[in-house]
Amino acid sequence: MRQELLSLPKGLAEDVSRNLVMVARLIDEDPEGAYAYSRIALRLASRVAAVREAAGFAAYANQKYSEALAEFRAARRMTGSVELWPVMADCERGLGRPEKALEMAGAPEVQKLDKAGQVEMRLVAAGARRDMDQLDAAIVTLQSPELASNSVQPWTARLRYAYADTLLAAGREGEAREWFAKTVESDKDGSTDASDRLAEMDGVEFVDALVEDDETPGADTKATEAADAAEDVHAEDEHQDADEDDEDDEDADEIEPAATDATDDLEDEDDVEDDDEDAEDGEGDAEGETAHRPGS
């Protein structure tokens, strides 16, 4: 790559190099970000094979298989190398053409690949067989000296994992469990989830020790529902109290006029009695005056 970048002006070479570094740094954690940087590098130096290859892998990581295949073909034309042959075949699988991938697996270019490339091509071919629902053929494809070897190579874990997964898909659970266990032994950097698959087959459930008993799933929901119910009851009680107060007020309003009317009636009766007494006193006085009138 460095030699290819030296063909560019110094400033341009530095810009392209920085973008390629970002592609390599982000491609696993942030494929979309890596793709964005690859497009910048491609715009700056599309005639550099390393740039086309990086753009191809960035597109491949984002499942843009047609675009990735075009970039890989361009890089291969520039370099004449067969190194990208397996990933090109896998792009054919991604495009829904497993037959084309199998055709590439039998091409003369495969013989020019190093051991890692040949193992990768075998994985792609087995995947193509599975795409075509040919599980038994996929199992046979993966059976190889590299699979049977006890030595651990960079490709060992992936090869064993693919074999175990295919056995499980074919219903051969006992053998699948054995090969998942072998995968765990060889997967030192945790590149596969073989340990989780093995635990799942054994019926092992993982529980977070940091989660307390009262923090079980649904506890928050139940607490919220209880609080809502309490608020509803409280609101209903307040509403009922308000209705009772209204009724009391209405009763008081009805009683007060009645009491007032009764008081007024009593006062009227007293006034009548007082008037009658005054009238009687007046008659008595008149008779007295008549009886003692001089000359009568």
Protein backbone atom coordinates (compact mmCIF):
# COMPACT_ATOMS: atom_id res chain seq x y z
CA MET A 1 0.00 0.00 0.00
CA ARG A 2 2.76 2.42 0.94
CA GLN A 3 4.42 1.88 -2.43
CA GLU A 4 1.15 2.60 -4.23
CA LEU A 5 0.61 5.81 -2.26
CA LEU A 6 4.10 7.03 -3.16
CA SER A 7 2.87 7.44 -6.72
CA LEU A 8 0.64 10.28 -5.49
CA PRO A 9 1.67 13.85 -4.66
CA LYS A 10 2.78 14.11 -1.02
CA GLY A 11 -0.19 16.11 0.26
CA LEU A 12 -2.69 13.93 -1.57
CA ALA A 13 -0.97 10.76 -0.39
CA GLU A 14 -1.28 11.91 3.22
CA ASP A 15 -4.98 12.68 2.84
CA VAL A 16 -5.67 9.30 1.26
CA SER A 17 -3.62 7.53 3.91
CA ARG A 18 -5.56 9.17 6.75
CA ASN A 19 -8.88 8.08 5.23
CA LEU A 20 -7.67 4.51 4.73
CA VAL A 21 -6.54 4.37 8.35
CA MET A 22 -10.02 5.42 9.45
CA VAL A 23 -11.58 2.74 7.25
CA ALA A 24 -9.45 0.07 8.92
CA ARG A 25 -10.16 1.46 12.38
CA LEU A 26 -13.96 1.69 12.03
CA ILE A 27 -14.90 -1.19 9.76
CA ASP A 28 -15.75 -3.56 12.64
CA GLU A 29 -17.31 -1.13 15.11
CA ASP A 30 -18.84 1.43 12.75
CA PRO A 31 -19.24 0.03 9.21
CA GLU A 32 -21.20 3.05 8.01
CA GLY A 33 -18.49 5.42 9.20
CA ALA A 34 -15.84 3.28 7.51
CA TYR A 35 -17.84 3.35 4.30
CA ALA A 36 -18.01 7.16 4.40
CA TYR A 37 -14.22 7.43 4.73
CA SER A 38 -13.72 4.89 1.94
CA ARG A 39 -15.80 7.03 -0.42
CA ILE A 40 -13.60 10.03 0.34
CA ALA A 41 -10.45 8.02 -0.37
CA LEU A 42 -12.01 6.67 -3.55
CA ARG A 43 -12.82 10.17 -4.74
CA LEU A 44 -9.23 11.27 -4.09
CA ALA A 45 -7.41 8.29 -5.61
CA SER A 46 -9.61 5.87 -7.54
CA ARG A 47 -6.66 4.55 -9.53
CA VAL A 48 -4.89 3.14 -6.50
CA ALA A 49 -5.57 -0.58 -6.00
CA ALA A 50 -5.38 -0.34 -2.20
CA VAL A 51 -8.08 2.32 -2.24
CA ARG A 52 -10.36 0.19 -4.42
CA GLU A 53 -9.81 -2.80 -2.14
CA ALA A 54 -10.57 -0.76 0.99
CA ALA A 55 -13.70 0.61 -0.66
CA GLY A 56 -14.71 -2.94 -1.51
CA PHE A 57 -14.37 -4.18 2.06
CA ALA A 58 -16.24 -1.15 3.42
CA ALA A 59 -19.11 -1.80 1.01
CA TYR A 60 -19.02 -5.52 1.86
CA ALA A 61 -19.29 -4.71 5.60
CA ASN A 62 -22.45 -2.71 4.81
CA GLN A 63 -23.91 -5.55 2.70
CA LYS A 64 -23.58 -3.50 -0.49
CA TYR A 65 -22.51 -6.63 -2.36
CA SER A 66 -22.86 -5.36 -5.91
CA GLU A 67 -20.72 -2.33 -5.15
CA ALA A 68 -18.19 -4.42 -3.22
CA LEU A 69 -17.87 -6.90 -6.07
CA ALA A 70 -17.21 -4.10 -8.56
CA GLU A 71 -14.45 -2.66 -6.34
CA PHE A 72 -12.83 -6.05 -5.78
CA ARG A 73 -12.80 -6.76 -9.51
CA ALA A 74 -11.20 -3.38 -10.15
CA ALA A 75 -8.50 -4.04 -7.55
CA ARG A 76 -7.84 -7.49 -9.01
CA ARG A 77 -7.44 -6.06 -12.50
CA MET A 78 -4.91 -3.55 -11.18
CA THR A 79 -2.83 -6.07 -9.25
CA GLY A 80 -3.47 -9.37 -11.00
CA SER A 81 -3.72 -11.02 -7.55
CA VAL A 82 -6.20 -13.80 -6.71
CA GLU A 83 -6.20 -12.88 -3.01
CA LEU A 84 -9.72 -11.44 -3.20
CA TRP A 85 -11.21 -14.47 -4.96
CA PRO A 86 -13.02 -15.94 -1.89
CA VAL A 87 -14.63 -12.66 -0.86
CA MET A 88 -15.67 -12.04 -4.47
CA ALA A 89 -17.39 -15.44 -4.43
CA ASP A 90 -19.10 -14.54 -1.17
CA CYS A 91 -20.42 -11.36 -2.80
CA GLU A 92 -22.05 -13.62 -5.38
CA ARG A 93 -23.77 -15.41 -2.51
CA GLY A 94 -24.90 -12.08 -1.10
CA LEU A 95 -26.42 -11.23 -4.46
CA GLY A 96 -28.43 -14.46 -4.38
CA ARG A 97 -26.22 -16.36 -6.84
CA PRO A 98 -24.87 -19.37 -4.87
CA GLU A 99 -24.38 -21.33 -8.10
CA LYS A 100 -21.90 -18.68 -9.28
CA ALA A 101 -20.07 -18.93 -5.96
CA LEU A 102 -19.74 -22.71 -6.37
CA GLU A 103 -18.47 -22.20 -9.89
CA MET A 104 -15.77 -19.88 -8.56
CA ALA A 105 -14.90 -22.44 -5.86
CA GLY A 106 -13.96 -24.88 -8.60
CA ALA A 107 -11.99 -22.38 -10.69
CA PRO A 108 -8.19 -22.64 -11.23
CA GLU A 109 -7.69 -19.43 -9.24
CA VAL A 110 -8.39 -21.37 -6.03
CA GLN A 111 -5.20 -23.40 -6.49
CA LYS A 112 -3.20 -20.17 -6.44
CA LEU A 113 -4.51 -19.19 -3.02
CA ASP A 114 -2.48 -19.70 0.14
CA LYS A 115 -3.74 -22.03 2.87
CA ALA A 116 -5.82 -19.34 4.58
CA GLY A 117 -7.38 -18.38 1.24
CA GLN A 118 -8.24 -22.00 0.44
CA VAL A 119 -9.91 -22.49 3.83
CA GLU A 120 -11.87 -19.28 3.25
CA MET A 121 -12.95 -20.54 -0.16
CA ARG A 122 -14.11 -23.80 1.45
CA LEU A 123 -16.22 -21.83 3.93
CA VAL A 124 -17.80 -19.85 1.11
CA ALA A 125 -18.55 -23.02 -0.87
CA ALA A 126 -20.17 -24.65 2.18
CA GLY A 127 -22.26 -21.53 2.69
CA ALA A 128 -23.39 -21.69 -0.92
CA ARG A 129 -24.45 -25.32 -0.44
CA ARG A 130 -26.50 -24.26 2.59
CA ASP A 131 -28.08 -21.47 0.55
CA MET A 132 -29.27 -24.20 -1.79
CA ASP A 133 -30.54 -26.38 1.11
CA GLN A 134 -27.84 -28.96 0.45
CA LEU A 135 -26.88 -29.53 4.09
CA ASP A 136 -25.22 -32.92 3.61
CA ALA A 137 -23.10 -31.54 0.78
CA ALA A 138 -22.16 -28.58 2.96
CA ILE A 139 -21.00 -30.94 5.72
CA VAL A 140 -18.85 -32.89 3.27
CA THR A 141 -17.40 -29.67 1.87
CA LEU A 142 -16.18 -28.62 5.32
CA GLN A 143 -14.62 -32.01 6.11
CA SER A 144 -10.96 -31.44 5.36
CA PRO A 145 -7.45 -31.96 6.79
CA GLU A 146 -7.62 -28.45 8.23
CA LEU A 147 -10.78 -29.38 10.16
CA ALA A 148 -9.30 -32.63 11.49
CA SER A 149 -6.00 -31.05 12.52
CA ASN A 150 -5.35 -30.60 16.24
CA SER A 151 -3.15 -27.57 15.64
CA VAL A 152 -4.80 -24.19 16.12
CA GLN A 153 -4.44 -21.82 13.18
CA PRO A 154 -6.04 -18.40 12.55
CA TRP A 155 -8.85 -20.08 10.62
CA THR A 156 -9.44 -23.04 12.97
CA ALA A 157 -12.18 -21.52 15.13
CA ARG A 158 -14.23 -20.28 12.17
CA LEU A 159 -13.91 -23.60 10.35
CA ARG A 160 -14.97 -25.62 13.40
CA TYR A 161 -17.83 -23.22 14.12
CA ALA A 162 -19.17 -23.49 10.56
CA TYR A 163 -19.00 -27.28 10.78
CA ALA A 164 -20.82 -27.38 14.15
CA ASP A 165 -23.50 -24.97 12.95
CA THR A 166 -24.11 -27.01 9.79
CA LEU A 167 -24.35 -30.24 11.80
CA LEU A 168 -26.94 -28.61 14.04
CA ALA A 169 -28.93 -27.40 11.04
CA ALA A 170 -28.93 -31.00 9.77
CA GLY A 171 -30.33 -32.25 13.09
CA ARG A 172 -27.13 -33.93 14.26
CA GLU A 173 -27.16 -32.31 17.70
CA GLY A 174 -24.74 -34.66 19.45
CA GLU A 175 -22.00 -34.08 16.89
CA ALA A 176 -22.80 -30.38 16.78
CA ARG A 177 -22.31 -30.07 20.54
CA GLU A 178 -18.94 -31.82 20.28
CA TRP A 179 -17.72 -29.42 17.59
CA PHE A 180 -19.02 -26.34 19.37
CA ALA A 181 -16.93 -27.47 22.36
CA LYS A 182 -13.89 -27.86 20.09
CA THR A 183 -14.56 -24.41 18.72
CA VAL A 184 -14.49 -22.93 22.23
CA GLU A 185 -11.10 -24.56 22.81
CA SER A 186 -9.61 -22.94 19.72
CA ASP A 187 -11.40 -19.58 19.89
CA LYS A 188 -8.93 -17.74 22.10
CA ASP A 189 -9.98 -14.22 21.08
CA GLY A 190 -13.74 -14.82 21.19
CA SER A 191 -14.33 -14.30 17.48
CA THR A 192 -17.36 -16.63 17.56
CA ASP A 193 -20.29 -17.12 19.93
CA ALA A 194 -19.57 -20.83 20.28
CA SER A 195 -19.65 -20.71 24.08
CA ASP A 196 -23.15 -19.19 24.03
CA ARG A 197 -24.36 -21.74 21.51
CA LEU A 198 -22.94 -24.56 23.63
CA ALA A 199 -24.59 -23.20 26.77
CA GLU A 200 -27.89 -22.87 24.92
CA MET A 201 -27.73 -26.51 23.87
CA ASP A 202 -27.04 -27.52 27.47
CA GLY A 203 -30.00 -25.48 28.71
CA VAL A 204 -27.86 -23.09 30.73
CA GLU A 205 -29.40 -19.69 31.47
CA PHE A 206 -27.23 -16.74 32.46
CA VAL A 207 -28.54 -14.49 35.26
CA ASP A 208 -27.10 -11.08 36.03
CA ALA A 209 -25.89 -11.26 39.64
CA LEU A 210 -26.15 -7.48 39.97
CA VAL A 211 -29.92 -7.54 39.52
CA GLU A 212 -31.66 -7.71 42.91
CA ASP A 213 -34.75 -9.80 43.54
CA ASP A 214 -37.02 -6.77 43.67
CA GLU A 215 -35.64 -5.60 40.35
CA THR A 216 -36.95 -8.55 38.38
CA PRO A 217 -38.40 -7.81 34.96
CA GLY A 218 -41.89 -6.39 35.34
CA ALA A 219 -41.35 -5.12 38.88
CA ASP A 220 -41.25 -1.52 37.78
CA THR A 221 -44.37 -2.03 35.72
CA LYS A 222 -46.25 -3.55 38.64
CA ALA A 223 -45.16 -0.74 40.95
CA THR A 224 -46.31 1.82 38.42
CA GLU A 225 -49.67 0.10 38.02
CA ALA A 226 -50.12 0.00 41.83
CA ALA A 227 -49.27 3.69 42.12
CA ASP A 228 -51.73 4.53 39.34
CA ALA A 229 -54.44 2.50 41.05
CA ALA A 230 -53.80 4.27 44.36
CA GLU A 231 -54.05 7.64 42.63
CA ASP A 232 -57.34 6.59 41.02
CA VAL A 233 -58.77 5.55 44.40
CA HIS A 234 -57.59 8.80 45.97
CA ALA A 235 -59.12 10.84 43.17
CA GLU A 236 -62.38 8.89 43.47
CA ASP A 237 -62.51 9.53 47.23
CA GLU A 238 -61.93 13.24 46.69
CA HIS A 239 -64.68 13.30 44.07
CA GLN A 240 -67.06 11.48 46.43
CA ASP A 241 -66.23 13.89 49.27
CA ALA A 242 -66.88 16.82 46.98
CA ASP A 243 -70.27 15.37 46.02
CA GLU A 244 -71.17 14.88 49.68
CA ASP A 245 -70.19 18.46 50.46
CA ASP A 246 -72.37 19.66 47.61
CA GLU A 247 -75.30 17.64 48.96
CA ASP A 248 -74.76 19.04 52.46
CA ASP A 249 -74.73 22.56 51.06
CA GLU A 250 -77.94 21.90 49.15
CA ASP A 251 -79.61 20.51 52.31
CA ALA A 252 -78.44 23.52 54.30
CA ASP A 253 -79.82 25.84 51.66
CA GLU A 254 -83.17 24.07 51.84
CA ILE A 255 -83.27 24.07 55.67
CA GLU A 256 -82.28 27.74 56.10
CA PRO A 257 -85.24 29.22 54.16
CA ALA A 258 -87.60 26.87 55.99
CA ALA A 259 -86.21 27.93 59.36
CA THR A 260 -86.46 31.57 58.35
CA ASP A 261 -90.07 31.14 57.26
CA ALA A 262 -90.93 29.43 60.54
CA THR A 263 -89.31 32.24 62.53
CA ASP A 264 -91.21 34.82 60.51
CA ASP A 265 -94.49 32.97 61.19
CA LEU A 266 -93.79 32.94 64.91
CA GLU A 267 -92.98 36.64 64.88
CA ASP A 268 -96.23 37.36 63.00
CA GLU A 269 -98.25 35.36 65.55
CA ASP A 270 -96.60 37.31 68.41
CA ASP A 271 -97.45 40.57 66.67
CA VAL A 272 -101.10 39.49 66.31
CA GLU A 273 -101.29 38.52 69.96
CA ASP A 274 -99.76 41.84 70.97
CA ASP A 275 -102.31 43.69 68.81
CA ASP A 276 -105.17 41.75 70.38
CA GLU A 277 -103.93 42.55 73.87
CA ASP A 278 -103.61 46.23 72.99
CA ALA A 279 -107.15 46.22 71.63
CA GLU A 280 -108.51 44.64 74.82
CA ASP A 281 -106.66 47.18 76.95
CA GLY A 282 -108.18 49.98 74.87
CA GLU A 283 -111.72 48.71 75.38
CA GLY A 284 -111.15 48.44 79.14
CA ASP A 285 -109.93 52.00 79.33
CA ALA A 286 -112.92 53.22 77.38
CA GLU A 287 -115.39 51.54 79.75
CA GLY A 288 -113.61 53.01 82.76
CA GLU A 289 -113.82 56.46 81.35
CA THR A 290 -117.54 56.06 80.65
CA ALA A 291 -118.31 54.84 84.18
CA HIS A 292 -116.64 57.78 85.87
CA ARG A 293 -117.75 60.55 83.43
CA PRO A 294 -119.10 63.50 85.42
CA GLY A 295 -122.82 63.91 85.27
CA SER A 296 -123.40 60.42 84.00
